[in-house]
PDB file of N, CA and C in Angstrom:
ATOM      1  N   MET A   1     -15.796   7.581  -8.882  1.00  0.00           N
ATOM      2  CA  MET A   1     -16.116   6.254  -8.397  1.00  0.00           C
ATOM      3  C   MET A   1     -17.617   6.017  -8.433  1.00  0.00           C
ATOM      4  N   LYS A   2     -18.372   7.078  -8.169  1.00  0.00           N
ATOM      5  CA  LYS A   2     -19.815   6.951  -8.147  1.00  0.00           C
ATOM      6  C   LYS A   2     -20.344   6.601  -9.543  1.00  0.00           C
ATOM      7  N   HIS A   3     -19.766   7.204 -10.571  1.00  0.00           N
ATOM      8  CA  HIS A   3     -20.221   6.947 -11.934  1.00  0.00           C
ATOM      9  C   HIS A   3     -19.882   5.525 -12.375  1.00  0.00           C
ATOM     10  N   THR A   4     -18.739   5.029 -11.952  1.00  0.00           N
ATOM     11  CA  THR A   4     -18.342   3.663 -12.304  1.00  0.00           C
ATOM     12  C   THR A   4     -19.310   2.648 -11.711  1.00  0.00           C
ATOM     13  N   ALA A   5     -19.700   2.871 -10.479  1.00  0.00           N
ATOM     14  CA  ALA A   5     -20.650   1.959  -9.835  1.00  0.00           C
ATOM     15  C   ALA A   5     -22.001   2.001 -10.538  1.00  0.00           C
ATOM     16  N   LEU A   6     -22.431   3.202 -10.921  1.00  0.00           N
ATOM     17  CA  LEU A   6     -23.707   3.338 -11.615  1.00  0.00           C
ATOM     18  C   LEU A   6     -23.666   2.661 -12.973  1.00  0.00           C
ATOM     19  N   ARG A   7     -22.573   2.831 -13.707  1.00  0.00           N
ATOM     20  CA  ARG A   7     -22.434   2.185 -15.013  1.00  0.00           C
ATOM     21  C   ARG A   7     -22.406   0.666 -14.863  1.00  0.00           C
ATOM     22  N   SER A   8     -21.688   0.190 -13.853  1.00  0.00           N
ATOM     23  CA  SER A   8     -21.630  -1.256 -13.627  1.00  0.00           C
ATOM     24  C   SER A   8     -23.017  -1.804 -13.299  1.00  0.00           C
ATOM     25  N   TYR A   9     -23.749  -1.083 -12.482  1.00  0.00           N
ATOM     26  CA  TYR A   9     -25.098  -1.506 -12.119  1.00  0.00           C
ATOM     27  C   TYR A   9     -25.986  -1.569 -13.356  1.00  0.00           C
ATOM     28  N   ARG A  10     -25.900  -0.542 -14.216  1.00  0.00           N
ATOM     29  CA  ARG A  10     -26.703  -0.529 -15.439  1.00  0.00           C
ATOM     30  C   ARG A  10     -26.324  -1.678 -16.361  1.00  0.00           C
ATOM     31  N   ALA A  11     -25.032  -1.947 -16.478  1.00  0.00           N
ATOM     32  CA  ALA A  11     -24.580  -3.039 -17.340  1.00  0.00           C
ATOM     33  C   ALA A  11     -25.076  -4.385 -16.822  1.00  0.00           C
ATOM     34  N   VAL A  12     -24.989  -4.592 -15.526  1.00  0.00           N
ATOM     35  CA  VAL A  12     -25.459  -5.852 -14.937  1.00  0.00           C
ATOM     36  C   VAL A  12     -26.965  -5.978 -15.107  1.00  0.00           C
ATOM     37  N   ARG A  13     -27.686  -4.880 -14.927  1.00  0.00           N
ATOM     38  CA  ARG A  13     -29.133  -4.906 -15.105  1.00  0.00           C
ATOM     39  C   ARG A  13     -29.516  -5.219 -16.543  1.00  0.00           C
ATOM     40  N   TRP A  14     -28.806  -4.603 -17.499  1.00  0.00           N
ATOM     41  CA  TRP A  14     -29.072  -4.863 -18.918  1.00  0.00           C
ATOM     42  C   TRP A  14     -28.776  -6.316 -19.257  1.00  0.00           C
ATOM     43  N   LEU A  15     -27.631  -6.816 -18.786  1.00  0.00           N
ATOM     44  CA  LEU A  15     -27.253  -8.194 -19.062  1.00  0.00           C
ATOM     45  C   LEU A  15     -28.250  -9.176 -18.443  1.00  0.00           C
ATOM     46  N   THR A  16     -28.701  -8.883 -17.249  1.00  0.00           N
ATOM     47  CA  THR A  16     -29.682  -9.743 -16.593  1.00  0.00           C
ATOM     48  C   THR A  16     -30.986  -9.783 -17.386  1.00  0.00           C
ATOM     49  N   SER A  17     -31.421  -8.635 -17.862  1.00  0.00           N
ATOM     50  CA  SER A  17     -32.669  -8.618 -18.638  1.00  0.00           C
ATOM     51  C   SER A  17     -32.510  -9.371 -19.949  1.00  0.00           C
ATOM     52  N   ARG A  18     -31.350  -9.267 -20.581  1.00  0.00           N
ATOM     53  CA  ARG A  18     -31.098 -10.008 -21.821  1.00  0.00           C
ATOM     54  C   ARG A  18     -31.100 -11.514 -21.568  1.00  0.00           C
ATOM     55  N   LEU A  19     -30.467 -11.939 -20.490  1.00  0.00           N
ATOM     56  CA  LEU A  19     -30.436 -13.361 -20.158  1.00  0.00           C
ATOM     57  C   LEU A  19     -31.830 -13.888 -19.836  1.00  0.00           C
ATOM     58  N   GLU A  20     -32.623 -13.093 -19.131  1.00  0.00           N
ATOM     59  CA  GLU A  20     -33.987 -13.506 -18.819  1.00  0.00           C
ATOM     60  C   GLU A  20     -34.822 -13.619 -20.090  1.00  0.00           C
ATOM     61  N   ALA A  21     -34.641 -12.691 -21.022  1.00  0.00           N
ATOM     62  CA  ALA A  21     -35.383 -12.754 -22.288  1.00  0.00           C
ATOM     63  C   ALA A  21     -34.962 -13.980 -23.092  1.00  0.00           C
ATOM     64  N   ALA A  22     -33.672 -14.273 -23.118  1.00  0.00           N
ATOM     65  CA  ALA A  22     -33.190 -15.454 -23.837  1.00  0.00           C
ATOM     66  C   ALA A  22     -33.720 -16.730 -23.197  1.00  0.00           C
ATOM     67  N   GLU A  23     -33.765 -16.752 -21.879  1.00  0.00           N
ATOM     68  CA  GLU A  23     -34.279 -17.936 -21.183  1.00  0.00           C
ATOM     69  C   GLU A  23     -35.771 -18.125 -21.462  1.00  0.00           C
ATOM     70  N   ALA A  24     -36.520 -17.040 -21.498  1.00  0.00           N
ATOM     71  CA  ALA A  24     -37.946 -17.135 -21.811  1.00  0.00           C
ATOM     72  C   ALA A  24     -38.151 -17.626 -23.239  1.00  0.00           C
ATOM     73  N   SER A  25     -37.306 -17.159 -24.147  1.00  0.00           N
ATOM     74  CA  SER A  25     -37.394 -17.608 -25.536  1.00  0.00           C
ATOM     75  C   SER A  25     -37.075 -19.099 -25.648  1.00  0.00           C
ATOM     76  N   MET A  26     -36.102 -19.552 -24.877  1.00  0.00           N
ATOM     77  CA  MET A  26     -35.750 -20.972 -24.900  1.00  0.00           C
ATOM     78  C   MET A  26     -36.873 -21.829 -24.330  1.00  0.00           C
ATOM     79  N   ARG A  27     -37.593 -21.302 -23.360  1.00  0.00           N
ATOM     80  CA  ARG A  27     -38.721 -22.060 -22.805  1.00  0.00           C
ATOM     81  C   ARG A  27     -39.848 -22.178 -23.820  1.00  0.00           C
ATOM     82  N   ARG A  28     -40.075 -21.096 -24.598  1.00  0.00           N
ATOM     83  CA  ARG A  28     -41.135 -21.140 -25.603  1.00  0.00           C
ATOM     84  C   ARG A  28     -40.784 -22.078 -26.746  1.00  0.00           C
ATOM     85  N   ARG A  29     -39.523 -22.080 -27.148  1.00  0.00           N
ATOM     86  CA  ARG A  29     -39.074 -22.896 -28.283  1.00  0.00           C
ATOM     87  C   ARG A  29     -37.895 -23.763 -27.845  1.00  0.00           C
ATOM     88  N   PRO A  30     -38.151 -24.899 -27.230  1.00  0.00           N
ATOM     89  CA  PRO A  30     -37.051 -25.713 -26.697  1.00  0.00           C
ATOM     90  C   PRO A  30     -36.172 -26.335 -27.784  1.00  0.00           C
ATOM     91  N   ASP A  31     -36.683 -26.460 -29.004  1.00  0.00           N
ATOM     92  CA  ASP A  31     -35.881 -27.069 -30.066  1.00  0.00           C
ATOM     93  C   ASP A  31     -35.248 -26.011 -30.974  1.00  0.00           C
ATOM     94  N   GLY A  32     -35.242 -24.768 -30.569  1.00  0.00           N
ATOM     95  CA  GLY A  32     -34.745 -23.686 -31.409  1.00  0.00           C
ATOM     96  C   GLY A  32     -33.248 -23.737 -31.670  1.00  0.00           C
ATOM     97  N   GLY A  33     -32.475 -24.390 -30.842  1.00  0.00           N
ATOM     98  CA  GLY A  33     -31.035 -24.408 -31.019  1.00  0.00           C
ATOM     99  C   GLY A  33     -30.488 -25.641 -31.688  1.00  0.00           C
ATOM    100  N   ASP A  34     -31.362 -26.549 -32.084  1.00  0.00           N
ATOM    101  CA  ASP A  34     -30.899 -27.786 -32.713  1.00  0.00           C
ATOM    102  C   ASP A  34     -30.392 -27.523 -34.124  1.00  0.00           C
ATOM    103  N   ILE A  35     -29.271 -28.120 -34.456  1.00  0.00           N
ATOM    104  CA  ILE A  35     -28.695 -28.005 -35.791  1.00  0.00           C
ATOM    105  C   ILE A  35     -28.717 -29.396 -36.412  1.00  0.00           C
ATOM    106  N   SER A  36     -29.212 -29.456 -37.634  1.00  0.00           N
ATOM    107  CA  SER A  36     -29.269 -30.757 -38.279  1.00  0.00           C
ATOM    108  C   SER A  36     -27.878 -31.173 -38.740  1.00  0.00           C
ATOM    109  N   ILE A  37     -27.674 -32.453 -38.899  1.00  0.00           N
ATOM    110  CA  ILE A  37     -26.384 -32.988 -39.328  1.00  0.00           C
ATOM    111  C   ILE A  37     -26.062 -32.534 -40.747  1.00  0.00           C
ATOM    112  N   THR A  38     -27.094 -32.318 -41.556  1.00  0.00           N
ATOM    113  CA  THR A  38     -26.877 -31.847 -42.925  1.00  0.00           C
ATOM    114  C   THR A  38     -26.242 -30.457 -42.920  1.00  0.00           C
ATOM    115  N   THR A  39     -26.718 -29.598 -42.030  1.00  0.00           N
ATOM    116  CA  THR A  39     -26.157 -28.254 -41.926  1.00  0.00           C
ATOM    117  C   THR A  39     -24.693 -28.311 -41.522  1.00  0.00           C
ATOM    118  N   VAL A  40     -24.375 -29.173 -40.591  1.00  0.00           N
ATOM    119  CA  VAL A  40     -22.986 -29.310 -40.146  1.00  0.00           C
ATOM    120  C   VAL A  40     -22.109 -29.810 -41.293  1.00  0.00           C
ATOM    121  N   ILE A  41     -22.593 -30.784 -42.042  1.00  0.00           N
ATOM    122  CA  ILE A  41     -21.824 -31.321 -43.167  1.00  0.00           C
ATOM    123  C   ILE A  41     -21.583 -30.238 -44.215  1.00  0.00           C
ATOM    124  N   ILE A  42     -22.606 -29.445 -44.508  1.00  0.00           N
ATOM    125  CA  ILE A  42     -22.457 -28.371 -45.495  1.00  0.00           C
ATOM    126  C   ILE A  42     -21.441 -27.339 -45.024  1.00  0.00           C
ATOM    127  N   TRP A  43     -21.495 -26.951 -43.757  1.00  0.00           N
ATOM    128  CA  TRP A  43     -20.544 -25.962 -43.231  1.00  0.00           C
ATOM    129  C   TRP A  43     -19.123 -26.498 -43.253  1.00  0.00           C
ATOM    130  N   VAL A  44     -18.938 -27.750 -42.873  1.00  0.00           N
ATOM    131  CA  VAL A  44     -17.594 -28.338 -42.884  1.00  0.00           C
ATOM    132  C   VAL A  44     -17.056 -28.403 -44.308  1.00  0.00           C
ATOM    133  N   ALA A  45     -17.903 -28.782 -45.252  1.00  0.00           N
ATOM    134  CA  ALA A  45     -17.477 -28.839 -46.649  1.00  0.00           C
ATOM    135  C   ALA A  45     -17.131 -27.454 -47.178  1.00  0.00           C
ATOM    136  N   ALA A  46     -17.906 -26.455 -46.820  1.00  0.00           N
ATOM    137  CA  ALA A  46     -17.645 -25.090 -47.286  1.00  0.00           C
ATOM    138  C   ALA A  46     -16.332 -24.555 -46.725  1.00  0.00           C
ATOM    139  N   VAL A  47     -16.107 -24.765 -45.433  1.00  0.00           N
ATOM    140  CA  VAL A  47     -14.861 -24.290 -44.815  1.00  0.00           C
ATOM    141  C   VAL A  47     -13.658 -25.040 -45.381  1.00  0.00           C
ATOM    142  N   THR A  48     -13.790 -26.345 -45.564  1.00  0.00           N
ATOM    143  CA  THR A  48     -12.704 -27.130 -46.138  1.00  0.00           C
ATOM    144  C   THR A  48     -12.398 -26.674 -47.558  1.00  0.00           C
ATOM    145  N   GLY A  49     -13.427 -26.445 -48.347  1.00  0.00           N
ATOM    146  CA  GLY A  49     -13.229 -25.962 -49.707  1.00  0.00           C
ATOM    147  C   GLY A  49     -12.548 -24.609 -49.740  1.00  0.00           C
ATOM    148  N   ALA A  50     -12.948 -23.715 -48.856  1.00  0.00           N
ATOM    149  CA  ALA A  50     -12.315 -22.395 -48.797  1.00  0.00           C
ATOM    150  C   ALA A  50     -10.843 -22.509 -48.412  1.00  0.00           C
ATOM    151  N   LEU A  51     -10.529 -23.401 -47.466  1.00  0.00           N
ATOM    152  CA  LEU A  51      -9.129 -23.583 -47.063  1.00  0.00           C
ATOM    153  C   LEU A  51      -8.296 -24.199 -48.189  1.00  0.00           C
ATOM    154  N   VAL A  52      -8.883 -25.122 -48.929  1.00  0.00           N
ATOM    155  CA  VAL A  52      -8.169 -25.729 -50.058  1.00  0.00           C
ATOM    156  C   VAL A  52      -7.896 -24.683 -51.131  1.00  0.00           C
ATOM    157  N   ILE A  53      -8.881 -23.862 -51.438  1.00  0.00           N
ATOM    158  CA  ILE A  53      -8.689 -22.818 -52.444  1.00  0.00           C
ATOM    159  C   ILE A  53      -7.638 -21.810 -51.990  1.00  0.00           C
ATOM    160  N   ALA A  54      -7.702 -21.399 -50.730  1.00  0.00           N
ATOM    161  CA  ALA A  54      -6.716 -20.449 -50.211  1.00  0.00           C
ATOM    162  C   ALA A  54      -5.319 -21.057 -50.215  1.00  0.00           C
ATOM    163  N   GLY A  55      -5.208 -22.325 -49.877  1.00  0.00           N
ATOM    164  CA  GLY A  55      -3.911 -22.999 -49.898  1.00  0.00           C
ATOM    165  C   GLY A  55      -3.358 -23.112 -51.300  1.00  0.00           C
ATOM    166  N   THR A  56      -4.218 -23.399 -52.266  1.00  0.00           N
ATOM    167  CA  THR A  56      -3.785 -23.489 -53.662  1.00  0.00           C
ATOM    168  C   THR A  56      -3.295 -22.141 -54.162  1.00  0.00           C
ATOM    169  N   ILE A  57      -4.026 -21.090 -53.844  1.00  0.00           N
ATOM    170  CA  ILE A  57      -3.605 -19.749 -54.258  1.00  0.00           C
ATOM    171  C   ILE A  57      -2.270 -19.398 -53.621  1.00  0.00           C
ATOM    172  N   ALA A  58      -2.102 -19.701 -52.334  1.00  0.00           N
ATOM    173  CA  ALA A  58      -0.840 -19.406 -51.650  1.00  0.00           C
ATOM    174  C   ALA A  58       0.307 -20.199 -52.265  1.00  0.00           C
ATOM    175  N   ALA A  59       0.060 -21.461 -52.633  1.00  0.00           N
ATOM    176  CA  ALA A  59       1.112 -22.278 -53.233  1.00  0.00           C
ATOM    177  C   ALA A  59       1.504 -21.745 -54.607  1.00  0.00           C
ATOM    178  N   VAL A  60       0.527 -21.330 -55.397  1.00  0.00           N
ATOM    179  CA  VAL A  60       0.824 -20.783 -56.724  1.00  0.00           C
ATOM    180  C   VAL A  60       1.588 -19.469 -56.604  1.00  0.00           C
ATOM    181  N   ILE A  61       1.180 -18.632 -55.689  1.00  0.00           N
ATOM    182  CA  ILE A  61       1.889 -17.356 -55.494  1.00  0.00           C
ATOM    183  C   ILE A  61       3.309 -17.606 -55.014  1.00  0.00           C
ATOM    184  N   ALA A  62       3.493 -18.550 -54.097  1.00  0.00           N
ATOM    185  CA  ALA A  62       4.838 -18.855 -53.604  1.00  0.00           C
ATOM    186  C   ALA A  62       5.708 -19.419 -54.719  1.00  0.00           C
ATOM    187  N   LYS A  63       5.127 -20.225 -55.588  1.00  0.00           N
ATOM    188  CA  LYS A  63       5.903 -20.847 -56.661  1.00  0.00           C
ATOM    189  C   LYS A  63       6.327 -19.831 -57.704  1.00  0.00           C
ATOM    190  N   TYR A  64       5.419 -18.949 -58.076  1.00  0.00           N
ATOM    191  CA  TYR A  64       5.694 -17.996 -59.145  1.00  0.00           C
ATOM    192  C   TYR A  64       5.974 -16.586 -58.625  1.00  0.00           C
ATOM    193  N   ASN A  65       6.379 -16.458 -57.385  1.00  0.00           N
ATOM    194  CA  ASN A  65       6.581 -15.156 -56.788  1.00  0.00           C
ATOM    195  C   ASN A  65       7.671 -14.367 -57.528  1.00  0.00           C
ATOM    196  N   GLY A  66       8.750 -15.005 -57.901  1.00  0.00           N
ATOM    197  CA  GLY A  66       9.817 -14.318 -58.630  1.00  0.00           C
ATOM    198  C   GLY A  66       9.385 -13.887 -60.007  1.00  0.00           C
ATOM    199  N   ASN A  67       8.579 -14.683 -60.677  1.00  0.00           N
ATOM    200  CA  ASN A  67       8.111 -14.342 -62.018  1.00  0.00           C
ATOM    201  C   ASN A  67       7.086 -13.232 -62.010  1.00  0.00           C
ATOM    202  N   LEU A  68       6.324 -13.106 -60.932  1.00  0.00           N
ATOM    203  CA  LEU A  68       5.266 -12.104 -60.862  1.00  0.00           C
ATOM    204  C   LEU A  68       5.769 -10.752 -60.400  1.00  0.00           C
ATOM    205  N   SER A  69       7.002 -10.662 -59.959  1.00  0.00           N
ATOM    206  CA  SER A  69       7.491  -9.403 -59.406  1.00  0.00           C
ATOM    207  C   SER A  69       7.624  -8.312 -60.471  1.00  0.00           C
ATOM    208  N   GLY A  70       7.763  -8.666 -61.742  1.00  0.00           N
ATOM    209  CA  GLY A  70       7.897  -7.668 -62.790  1.00  0.00           C
ATOM    210  C   GLY A  70       6.598  -7.148 -63.327  1.00  0.00           C
ATOM    211  N   ILE A  71       5.482  -7.650 -62.862  1.00  0.00           N
ATOM    212  CA  ILE A  71       4.177  -7.216 -63.389  1.00  0.00           C
ATOM    213  C   ILE A  71       3.815  -5.864 -62.834  1.00  0.00           C
TER     214      ILE A  71
END
């Protein structure tokens, strides 16, 4: 039980120091977390394109699954 309490204390102390460092960084650079609309559009387009390609591959495999079994 003593070791569990010590580990918990160390974890809380580490987490507190990380949060304090992140907060100090946010104070130095208040605009550091802003994402431009262009970045969001590019990410949405990339994810949509990947899903379309994956869906097309799945549809082709499902359609020709019987024909591909002999390969």
